[in-house]
Amino acid sequence: MTAFVVGLVATLACCAGLAVDGGRVLAASLEAADHAENAGRRAVQELTDLRSGDPFVDPGAAARVVSDYLDTVGLDGEVAVTGRTVAVTVRREVAMTLLGLVGVDARVVEVTRVVTARDG
């Protein structure tokens, strides 16, 4: 009976760890997605060459805006600019609380969001 109880307690602890830490990873992923979208929206406003009729996002200005935004919220990431489109990738490390007790290390969440400037 004692081995059964020990096994049951260990199983329940692992299930609780999956629920708690899995929820934390999901929340971190959603938060990173929000920040990637916000940084992309700010970067896509850095349009240049408007009078030519074919505007595009200034890559240098967009990179500075994204870097400033991510520094403000304490995240790491990168930006890629192509014409009117800005892709922002945000990375965040999530420490495991309960699963850390059984040797599961921190997980890295990486999210990419793409924003395109449109007329109108």
N, C-alpha and C. Protein backbone atom coordinates (compact mmCIF):
# COMPACT_ATOMS: atom_id res chain seq x y z
N MET A 1 0.82 -1.20 0.00
CA MET A 1 0.00 0.00 0.00
C MET A 1 0.86 1.26 0.00
N THR A 2 1.99 1.26 0.67
CA THR A 2 2.83 2.44 0.77
C THR A 2 3.41 2.82 -0.60
N ALA A 3 3.87 1.85 -1.37
CA ALA A 3 4.40 2.14 -2.70
C ALA A 3 3.32 2.71 -3.60
N PHE A 4 2.11 2.23 -3.45
CA PHE A 4 1.00 2.75 -4.23
C PHE A 4 0.74 4.22 -3.91
N VAL A 5 0.75 4.56 -2.65
CA VAL A 5 0.51 5.94 -2.22
C VAL A 5 1.63 6.85 -2.72
N VAL A 6 2.87 6.39 -2.62
CA VAL A 6 4.00 7.19 -3.10
C VAL A 6 3.87 7.41 -4.61
N GLY A 7 3.53 6.37 -5.36
CA GLY A 7 3.34 6.50 -6.79
C GLY A 7 2.21 7.43 -7.14
N LEU A 8 1.11 7.35 -6.40
CA LEU A 8 -0.04 8.21 -6.63
C LEU A 8 0.29 9.68 -6.36
N VAL A 9 1.00 9.93 -5.28
CA VAL A 9 1.40 11.30 -4.94
C VAL A 9 2.35 11.86 -6.01
N ALA A 10 3.29 11.03 -6.47
CA ALA A 10 4.23 11.49 -7.50
C ALA A 10 3.49 11.79 -8.80
N THR A 11 2.53 10.95 -9.15
CA THR A 11 1.73 11.19 -10.37
C THR A 11 0.92 12.47 -10.27
N LEU A 12 0.30 12.68 -9.14
CA LEU A 12 -0.49 13.90 -8.95
C LEU A 12 0.40 15.15 -8.96
N ALA A 13 1.60 15.03 -8.39
CA ALA A 13 2.52 16.17 -8.41
C ALA A 13 2.95 16.50 -9.84
N CYS A 14 3.22 15.48 -10.64
CA CYS A 14 3.59 15.71 -12.04
C CYS A 14 2.43 16.33 -12.82
N CYS A 15 1.22 15.85 -12.57
CA CYS A 15 0.04 16.42 -13.26
C CYS A 15 -0.14 17.89 -12.86
N ALA A 16 0.03 18.18 -11.58
CA ALA A 16 -0.07 19.57 -11.14
C ALA A 16 1.01 20.42 -11.79
N GLY A 17 2.23 19.88 -11.91
CA GLY A 17 3.32 20.60 -12.57
C GLY A 17 3.02 20.90 -14.02
N LEU A 18 2.45 19.92 -14.71
CA LEU A 18 2.08 20.14 -16.10
C LEU A 18 1.01 21.22 -16.23
N ALA A 19 0.05 21.20 -15.33
CA ALA A 19 -1.02 22.21 -15.39
C ALA A 19 -0.48 23.60 -15.08
N VAL A 20 0.30 23.73 -14.01
CA VAL A 20 0.81 25.04 -13.59
C VAL A 20 1.83 25.57 -14.60
N ASP A 21 2.84 24.78 -14.88
CA ASP A 21 3.90 25.26 -15.77
C ASP A 21 3.43 25.35 -17.22
N GLY A 22 2.55 24.45 -17.64
CA GLY A 22 1.98 24.55 -18.98
C GLY A 22 1.17 25.82 -19.14
N GLY A 23 0.43 26.18 -18.10
CA GLY A 23 -0.32 27.44 -18.13
C GLY A 23 0.60 28.65 -18.18
N ARG A 24 1.72 28.58 -17.48
CA ARG A 24 2.67 29.69 -17.51
C ARG A 24 3.32 29.84 -18.89
N VAL A 25 3.62 28.70 -19.55
CA VAL A 25 4.20 28.76 -20.89
C VAL A 25 3.19 29.32 -21.88
N LEU A 26 1.94 28.89 -21.77
CA LEU A 26 0.90 29.42 -22.66
C LEU A 26 0.70 30.91 -22.45
N ALA A 27 0.66 31.35 -21.21
CA ALA A 27 0.50 32.78 -20.92
C ALA A 27 1.68 33.58 -21.45
N ALA A 28 2.89 33.05 -21.31
CA ALA A 28 4.08 33.74 -21.82
C ALA A 28 4.04 33.83 -23.34
N SER A 29 3.54 32.79 -23.98
CA SER A 29 3.42 32.80 -25.44
C SER A 29 2.43 33.87 -25.90
N LEU A 30 1.30 33.96 -25.23
CA LEU A 30 0.31 34.99 -25.58
C LEU A 30 0.84 36.40 -25.33
N GLU A 31 1.55 36.57 -24.23
CA GLU A 31 2.12 37.89 -23.93
C GLU A 31 3.19 38.26 -24.96
N ALA A 32 4.02 37.31 -25.35
CA ALA A 32 5.04 37.57 -26.36
C ALA A 32 4.39 37.93 -27.70
N ALA A 33 3.30 37.24 -28.03
CA ALA A 33 2.58 37.55 -29.28
C ALA A 33 2.02 38.97 -29.25
N ASP A 34 1.46 39.37 -28.12
CA ASP A 34 0.95 40.73 -27.99
C ASP A 34 2.06 41.76 -28.19
N HIS A 35 3.20 41.52 -27.57
CA HIS A 35 4.31 42.47 -27.69
C HIS A 35 4.89 42.48 -29.11
N ALA A 36 4.93 41.32 -29.76
CA ALA A 36 5.42 41.28 -31.13
C ALA A 36 4.48 42.07 -32.05
N GLU A 37 3.17 41.92 -31.85
CA GLU A 37 2.21 42.68 -32.66
C GLU A 37 2.32 44.17 -32.40
N ASN A 38 2.44 44.55 -31.14
CA ASN A 38 2.56 45.98 -30.82
C ASN A 38 3.83 46.58 -31.40
N ALA A 39 4.94 45.86 -31.29
CA ALA A 39 6.20 46.36 -31.86
C ALA A 39 6.09 46.46 -33.38
N GLY A 40 5.44 45.49 -34.01
CA GLY A 40 5.25 45.53 -35.45
C GLY A 40 4.38 46.70 -35.89
N ARG A 41 3.33 46.97 -35.14
CA ARG A 41 2.47 48.11 -35.47
C ARG A 41 3.23 49.43 -35.38
N ARG A 42 4.08 49.54 -34.37
CA ARG A 42 4.87 50.77 -34.26
C ARG A 42 5.88 50.88 -35.40
N ALA A 43 6.50 49.76 -35.76
CA ALA A 43 7.53 49.77 -36.79
C ALA A 43 6.95 50.07 -38.17
N VAL A 44 5.76 49.56 -38.45
CA VAL A 44 5.17 49.74 -39.78
C VAL A 44 4.77 51.20 -40.02
N GLN A 45 4.73 52.00 -38.97
CA GLN A 45 4.42 53.41 -39.12
C GLN A 45 5.63 54.21 -39.63
N GLU A 46 6.78 53.57 -39.71
CA GLU A 46 7.99 54.24 -40.19
C GLU A 46 8.07 54.20 -41.72
N LEU A 47 7.00 54.62 -42.36
CA LEU A 47 6.95 54.65 -43.83
C LEU A 47 7.80 55.80 -44.36
N THR A 48 8.40 55.57 -45.50
CA THR A 48 9.17 56.60 -46.16
C THR A 48 8.84 56.58 -47.65
N ASP A 49 9.23 57.62 -48.35
CA ASP A 49 9.00 57.73 -49.79
C ASP A 49 7.51 57.79 -50.13
N LEU A 50 6.76 58.49 -49.29
CA LEU A 50 5.30 58.58 -49.47
C LEU A 50 4.91 59.30 -50.76
N ARG A 51 5.65 60.32 -51.14
CA ARG A 51 5.27 61.14 -52.30
C ARG A 51 5.49 60.44 -53.62
N SER A 52 6.29 59.41 -53.63
CA SER A 52 6.55 58.69 -54.88
C SER A 52 5.38 57.81 -55.29
N GLY A 53 4.49 57.56 -54.37
CA GLY A 53 3.36 56.68 -54.66
C GLY A 53 3.64 55.22 -54.35
N ASP A 54 4.86 54.91 -53.98
CA ASP A 54 5.23 53.54 -53.62
C ASP A 54 6.00 53.56 -52.30
N PRO A 55 5.30 53.85 -51.20
CA PRO A 55 5.99 53.94 -49.91
C PRO A 55 6.48 52.58 -49.42
N PHE A 56 7.49 52.62 -48.59
CA PHE A 56 8.00 51.40 -47.97
C PHE A 56 8.46 51.74 -46.56
N VAL A 57 8.61 50.73 -45.74
CA VAL A 57 9.04 50.91 -44.35
C VAL A 57 10.55 51.06 -44.34
N ASP A 58 11.03 52.10 -43.67
CA ASP A 58 12.46 52.33 -43.52
C ASP A 58 13.03 51.27 -42.57
N PRO A 59 13.89 50.38 -43.06
CA PRO A 59 14.38 49.28 -42.22
C PRO A 59 15.14 49.74 -40.97
N GLY A 60 15.97 50.78 -41.11
CA GLY A 60 16.73 51.27 -39.95
C GLY A 60 15.83 51.85 -38.88
N ALA A 61 14.89 52.69 -39.30
CA ALA A 61 13.96 53.30 -38.34
C ALA A 61 13.08 52.23 -37.69
N ALA A 62 12.63 51.26 -38.48
CA ALA A 62 11.78 50.19 -37.94
C ALA A 62 12.55 49.37 -36.91
N ALA A 63 13.80 49.07 -37.20
CA ALA A 63 14.62 48.30 -36.26
C ALA A 63 14.81 49.05 -34.95
N ARG A 64 15.03 50.37 -35.04
CA ARG A 64 15.18 51.18 -33.82
C ARG A 64 13.90 51.19 -33.00
N VAL A 65 12.76 51.35 -33.67
CA VAL A 65 11.48 51.39 -32.97
C VAL A 65 11.21 50.06 -32.26
N VAL A 66 11.45 48.96 -32.96
CA VAL A 66 11.22 47.64 -32.37
C VAL A 66 12.18 47.42 -31.20
N SER A 67 13.44 47.76 -31.38
CA SER A 67 14.43 47.59 -30.32
C SER A 67 14.05 48.40 -29.08
N ASP A 68 13.65 49.65 -29.29
CA ASP A 68 13.24 50.51 -28.16
C ASP A 68 12.03 49.91 -27.44
N TYR A 69 11.05 49.45 -28.21
CA TYR A 69 9.84 48.89 -27.60
C TYR A 69 10.18 47.63 -26.79
N LEU A 70 10.94 46.72 -27.40
CA LEU A 70 11.26 45.48 -26.70
C LEU A 70 12.13 45.73 -25.48
N ASP A 71 13.04 46.71 -25.55
CA ASP A 71 13.83 47.08 -24.37
C ASP A 71 12.93 47.59 -23.26
N THR A 72 11.91 48.36 -23.63
CA THR A 72 10.99 48.91 -22.64
C THR A 72 10.24 47.81 -21.89
N VAL A 73 9.84 46.76 -22.60
CA VAL A 73 9.07 45.68 -21.96
C VAL A 73 9.97 44.54 -21.48
N GLY A 74 11.28 44.64 -21.70
CA GLY A 74 12.22 43.66 -21.19
C GLY A 74 12.25 42.34 -21.94
N LEU A 75 12.09 42.40 -23.26
CA LEU A 75 12.11 41.18 -24.07
C LEU A 75 13.21 41.25 -25.12
N ASP A 76 13.59 40.07 -25.63
CA ASP A 76 14.55 39.99 -26.72
C ASP A 76 13.81 39.68 -28.01
N GLY A 77 14.35 40.17 -29.11
CA GLY A 77 13.71 39.86 -30.38
C GLY A 77 14.48 40.42 -31.54
N GLU A 78 13.91 40.22 -32.71
CA GLU A 78 14.52 40.73 -33.94
C GLU A 78 13.43 41.15 -34.90
N VAL A 79 13.84 41.92 -35.90
CA VAL A 79 12.89 42.45 -36.86
C VAL A 79 13.42 42.24 -38.27
N ALA A 80 12.50 41.95 -39.19
CA ALA A 80 12.84 41.84 -40.61
C ALA A 80 11.85 42.70 -41.38
N VAL A 81 12.37 43.54 -42.27
CA VAL A 81 11.54 44.46 -43.04
C VAL A 81 11.66 44.13 -44.52
N THR A 82 10.51 43.99 -45.17
CA THR A 82 10.47 43.77 -46.62
C THR A 82 9.38 44.66 -47.20
N GLY A 83 9.78 45.73 -47.87
CA GLY A 83 8.79 46.63 -48.46
C GLY A 83 7.90 47.27 -47.41
N ARG A 84 6.62 46.95 -47.45
CA ARG A 84 5.64 47.47 -46.48
C ARG A 84 5.37 46.50 -45.34
N THR A 85 6.11 45.42 -45.29
CA THR A 85 5.85 44.37 -44.30
C THR A 85 6.96 44.31 -43.26
N VAL A 86 6.55 44.17 -42.01
CA VAL A 86 7.49 44.06 -40.90
C VAL A 86 7.18 42.77 -40.15
N ALA A 87 8.19 41.94 -39.96
CA ALA A 87 8.05 40.71 -39.17
C ALA A 87 8.87 40.87 -37.89
N VAL A 88 8.21 40.68 -36.75
CA VAL A 88 8.87 40.82 -35.46
C VAL A 88 8.84 39.46 -34.75
N THR A 89 10.01 39.01 -34.34
CA THR A 89 10.13 37.76 -33.58
C THR A 89 10.54 38.11 -32.16
N VAL A 90 9.80 37.59 -31.19
CA VAL A 90 10.06 37.85 -29.77
C VAL A 90 10.36 36.52 -29.08
N ARG A 91 11.40 36.52 -28.25
CA ARG A 91 11.76 35.35 -27.47
C ARG A 91 11.69 35.66 -25.99
N ARG A 92 11.23 34.66 -25.23
CA ARG A 92 11.16 34.82 -23.79
C ARG A 92 11.40 33.47 -23.13
N GLU A 93 12.19 33.46 -22.10
CA GLU A 93 12.46 32.24 -21.35
C GLU A 93 11.49 32.15 -20.17
N VAL A 94 10.91 30.97 -20.01
CA VAL A 94 9.95 30.74 -18.93
C VAL A 94 10.53 29.68 -18.00
N ALA A 95 10.74 30.06 -16.74
CA ALA A 95 11.26 29.12 -15.75
C ALA A 95 10.15 28.17 -15.29
N MET A 96 10.49 26.93 -15.12
CA MET A 96 9.53 25.94 -14.62
C MET A 96 9.54 25.96 -13.10
N THR A 97 8.37 25.96 -12.50
CA THR A 97 8.29 25.98 -11.04
C THR A 97 8.18 24.56 -10.50
N LEU A 98 7.07 23.91 -10.73
CA LEU A 98 6.88 22.55 -10.20
C LEU A 98 7.65 21.51 -11.01
N LEU A 99 7.68 21.66 -12.33
CA LEU A 99 8.43 20.70 -13.15
C LEU A 99 9.93 20.84 -12.95
N GLY A 100 10.38 21.98 -12.46
CA GLY A 100 11.79 22.15 -12.14
C GLY A 100 12.25 21.21 -11.04
N LEU A 101 11.32 20.78 -10.20
CA LEU A 101 11.65 19.85 -9.12
C LEU A 101 12.00 18.47 -9.66
N VAL A 102 11.53 18.13 -10.86
CA VAL A 102 11.83 16.82 -11.43
C VAL A 102 12.82 16.93 -12.60
N GLY A 103 13.52 18.07 -12.69
CA GLY A 103 14.59 18.21 -13.66
C GLY A 103 14.24 18.83 -14.99
N VAL A 104 13.03 19.36 -15.15
CA VAL A 104 12.66 20.02 -16.40
C VAL A 104 13.17 21.46 -16.35
N ASP A 105 14.01 21.82 -17.31
CA ASP A 105 14.61 23.15 -17.34
C ASP A 105 13.62 24.18 -17.86
N ALA A 106 14.08 25.39 -17.92
CA ALA A 106 13.28 26.49 -18.46
C ALA A 106 12.99 26.24 -19.94
N ARG A 107 11.91 26.78 -20.41
CA ARG A 107 11.51 26.68 -21.81
C ARG A 107 11.59 28.05 -22.46
N VAL A 108 11.98 28.07 -23.73
CA VAL A 108 12.04 29.32 -24.48
C VAL A 108 10.82 29.38 -25.39
N VAL A 109 10.08 30.48 -25.26
CA VAL A 109 8.91 30.72 -26.09
C VAL A 109 9.34 31.68 -27.19
N GLU A 110 9.05 31.35 -28.44
CA GLU A 110 9.39 32.22 -29.57
C GLU A 110 8.15 32.42 -30.43
N VAL A 111 7.82 33.69 -30.66
CA VAL A 111 6.62 34.04 -31.43
C VAL A 111 7.00 35.04 -32.50
N THR A 112 6.47 34.85 -33.71
CA THR A 112 6.69 35.80 -34.80
C THR A 112 5.34 36.33 -35.27
N ARG A 113 5.25 37.63 -35.41
CA ARG A 113 4.04 38.27 -35.93
C ARG A 113 4.44 39.16 -37.11
N VAL A 114 3.61 39.19 -38.13
CA VAL A 114 3.87 39.96 -39.35
C VAL A 114 2.80 41.03 -39.49
N VAL A 115 3.24 42.27 -39.73
CA VAL A 115 2.34 43.41 -39.88
C VAL A 115 2.64 44.06 -41.23
N THR A 116 1.58 44.39 -41.97
CA THR A 116 1.73 45.02 -43.28
C THR A 116 1.01 46.35 -43.31
N ALA A 117 1.68 47.39 -43.80
CA ALA A 117 1.05 48.70 -43.94
C ALA A 117 0.07 48.66 -45.11
N ARG A 118 -1.10 49.24 -44.89
CA ARG A 118 -2.14 49.27 -45.93
C ARG A 118 -2.64 50.70 -46.10
N ASP A 119 -3.13 50.99 -47.30
CA ASP A 119 -3.73 52.30 -47.55
C ASP A 119 -5.12 52.31 -46.97
N GLY A 120 -5.53 53.49 -46.52
CA GLY A 120 -6.91 53.64 -46.06
C GLY A 120 -6.96 53.71 -44.64
